[in-house]
Amino acid sequence: MSDIVKDQEAKMKKSIENTQKTLASLRTGRATPQLLDTITVEYYGAAVPLKQRATITVPEPRQLLLQPFDKGAAVEIEKAIQKSDLGIQPRIEGGIIRLILPQPTEERRKELVKVARKSAEEGKIAI
C-alpha cells in the first residue's frame, strides 16, 4: 500500500514541477532567465541548452543580459533566439547579447491569462 502512495506522490510532484516550469516560461512583462530555458544552441553539431553556452543575468526588470563563455558563440546564440517563438530581438554589443522585453499590450495580457489558466487546469487534472 505504501508503494502506491509513494508512486502517486512522485507523479504529483512531477506534475507540480511541470506546471511551475510552464508558468515560469510565459513571457510576461518581467524578465526572468527561465524564459530562455527552452532555447538550444548549436555547439559542434549538437544542440546544447543556452544556459550551458552563456551566463544569463537580469540587470533591469525588462532586460536580460547574456555573456557567452565563447565570444564567437554570440552570433549562434542570436540566431537561436531569433528562431524561437519568444518574439524578442537580441542586440549584440561587444560580445554581450542584450534582450529587451517589450511592454505587453492589453491583448497580450488577456492571452497570457488564458494560457496561465489552461496550464493551471492541466496541472490540477494531472494531480
Protein backbone atom coordinates (compact mmCIF):
# COMPACT_ATOMS: atom_id res chain seq x y z
CA MET A 1 0.00 0.00 0.00
CA SER A 2 2.80 2.43 0.84
CA ASP A 3 4.41 1.78 -2.56
CA ILE A 4 1.26 3.00 -4.27
CA VAL A 5 1.21 6.14 -2.13
CA LYS A 6 4.89 6.86 -2.82
CA ASP A 7 4.38 6.30 -6.54
CA GLN A 8 1.41 8.66 -6.63
CA GLU A 9 3.29 11.31 -4.60
CA ALA A 10 6.15 11.16 -7.09
CA LYS A 11 3.73 11.60 -10.01
CA MET A 12 2.04 14.54 -8.29
CA LYS A 13 5.39 16.24 -7.61
CA LYS A 14 6.33 15.84 -11.28
CA SER A 15 3.01 17.37 -12.32
CA ILE A 16 3.56 20.33 -10.00
CA GLU A 17 7.12 20.86 -11.26
CA ASN A 18 5.92 20.69 -14.87
CA THR A 19 3.20 23.26 -14.19
CA GLN A 20 5.70 25.56 -12.46
CA LYS A 21 8.10 25.32 -15.43
CA THR A 22 5.30 26.07 -17.87
CA LEU A 23 4.16 29.13 -15.91
CA ALA A 24 7.75 30.36 -15.47
CA SER A 25 8.37 30.20 -19.22
CA LEU A 26 5.47 32.55 -20.02
CA ARG A 27 6.75 35.84 -21.38
CA THR A 28 5.15 38.43 -19.16
CA GLY A 29 6.44 41.98 -18.83
CA ARG A 30 9.16 40.97 -16.36
CA ALA A 31 12.43 39.43 -17.49
CA THR A 32 13.41 36.07 -15.97
CA PRO A 33 16.18 33.71 -17.05
CA GLN A 34 13.60 30.88 -17.24
CA LEU A 35 12.29 32.45 -20.44
CA LEU A 36 15.34 31.06 -22.21
CA ASP A 37 15.18 27.51 -20.80
CA THR A 38 13.67 26.04 -23.95
CA ILE A 39 16.23 27.56 -26.34
CA THR A 40 19.02 25.35 -27.65
CA VAL A 41 22.14 26.49 -29.50
CA GLU A 42 24.28 24.56 -31.97
CA TYR A 43 27.67 23.63 -30.49
CA TYR A 44 29.96 21.48 -32.65
CA GLY A 45 26.97 19.91 -34.38
CA ALA A 46 24.97 19.18 -31.21
CA ALA A 47 22.04 21.10 -29.74
CA VAL A 48 23.05 22.42 -26.31
CA PRO A 49 20.83 24.36 -23.85
CA LEU A 50 21.52 28.09 -23.86
CA LYS A 51 22.38 28.01 -20.14
CA GLN A 52 25.45 25.92 -21.00
CA ARG A 53 26.67 28.44 -23.56
CA ALA A 54 26.22 31.74 -21.71
CA THR A 55 25.70 33.39 -18.35
CA ILE A 56 22.23 34.92 -18.06
CA THR A 57 21.65 37.91 -15.78
CA VAL A 58 18.79 40.36 -15.19
CA PRO A 59 20.27 43.88 -14.84
CA GLU A 60 16.87 45.60 -15.13
CA PRO A 61 13.27 44.35 -14.78
CA ARG A 62 12.70 44.35 -18.56
CA GLN A 63 16.14 43.29 -19.72
CA LEU A 64 18.17 40.09 -19.95
CA LEU A 65 21.92 40.15 -20.44
CA LEU A 66 23.73 37.14 -21.90
CA GLN A 67 27.50 36.78 -21.70
CA PRO A 68 28.65 33.89 -23.89
CA PHE A 69 31.51 31.84 -22.50
CA ASP A 70 32.98 31.93 -26.02
CA LYS A 71 32.79 35.37 -27.71
CA GLY A 72 32.36 33.70 -31.11
CA ALA A 73 29.16 32.00 -29.95
CA ALA A 74 27.28 35.30 -29.76
CA VAL A 75 26.12 35.08 -33.38
CA GLU A 76 24.90 31.48 -32.93
CA ILE A 77 23.03 32.45 -29.76
CA GLU A 78 21.46 35.42 -31.54
CA LYS A 79 20.21 33.16 -34.36
CA ALA A 80 18.77 30.65 -31.86
CA ILE A 81 16.86 33.41 -30.03
CA GLN A 82 15.50 34.80 -33.29
CA LYS A 83 14.29 31.33 -34.34
CA SER A 84 12.49 30.84 -31.03
CA ASP A 85 8.87 31.83 -30.50
CA LEU A 86 9.68 34.46 -27.87
CA GLY A 87 9.32 37.40 -30.23
CA ILE A 88 12.36 39.21 -28.80
CA GLN A 89 15.01 40.82 -30.98
CA PRO A 90 18.51 40.37 -29.49
CA ARG A 91 21.21 43.03 -29.82
CA ILE A 92 24.91 42.17 -29.77
CA GLU A 93 27.11 44.80 -28.13
CA GLY A 94 30.77 43.86 -27.92
CA GLY A 95 30.21 40.13 -27.49
CA ILE A 96 27.38 40.63 -24.99
CA ILE A 97 23.79 39.96 -26.02
CA ARG A 98 21.06 42.25 -24.72
CA LEU A 99 17.39 41.22 -24.77
CA ILE A 100 14.86 43.94 -24.03
CA LEU A 101 11.32 42.75 -23.33
CA PRO A 102 8.60 45.00 -24.74
CA GLN A 103 5.69 46.20 -22.63
CA PRO A 104 2.83 43.69 -23.05
CA THR A 105 -0.29 45.03 -24.74
CA GLU A 106 -3.77 44.55 -23.29
CA GLU A 107 -4.44 41.83 -25.86
CA ARG A 108 -1.23 40.02 -24.90
CA ARG A 109 -2.10 40.22 -21.18
CA LYS A 110 -5.51 38.67 -21.83
CA GLU A 111 -3.86 35.93 -23.85
CA LEU A 112 -1.39 35.28 -21.02
CA VAL A 113 -4.25 34.93 -18.54
CA LYS A 114 -5.88 32.32 -20.77
CA VAL A 115 -2.63 30.38 -21.14
CA ALA A 116 -1.95 30.51 -17.40
CA ARG A 117 -5.46 29.29 -16.58
CA LYS A 118 -5.14 26.47 -19.08
CA SER A 119 -1.75 25.41 -17.64
CA ALA A 120 -3.08 25.55 -14.09
CA GLU A 121 -6.14 23.47 -15.05
CA GLU A 122 -3.96 20.88 -16.81
CA GLY A 123 -1.80 20.70 -13.67
CA LYS A 124 -4.88 20.15 -11.48
CA ILE A 125 -6.12 17.41 -13.78
CA ALA A 126 -2.73 15.71 -13.76
CA ILE A 127 -2.68 15.69 -9.96
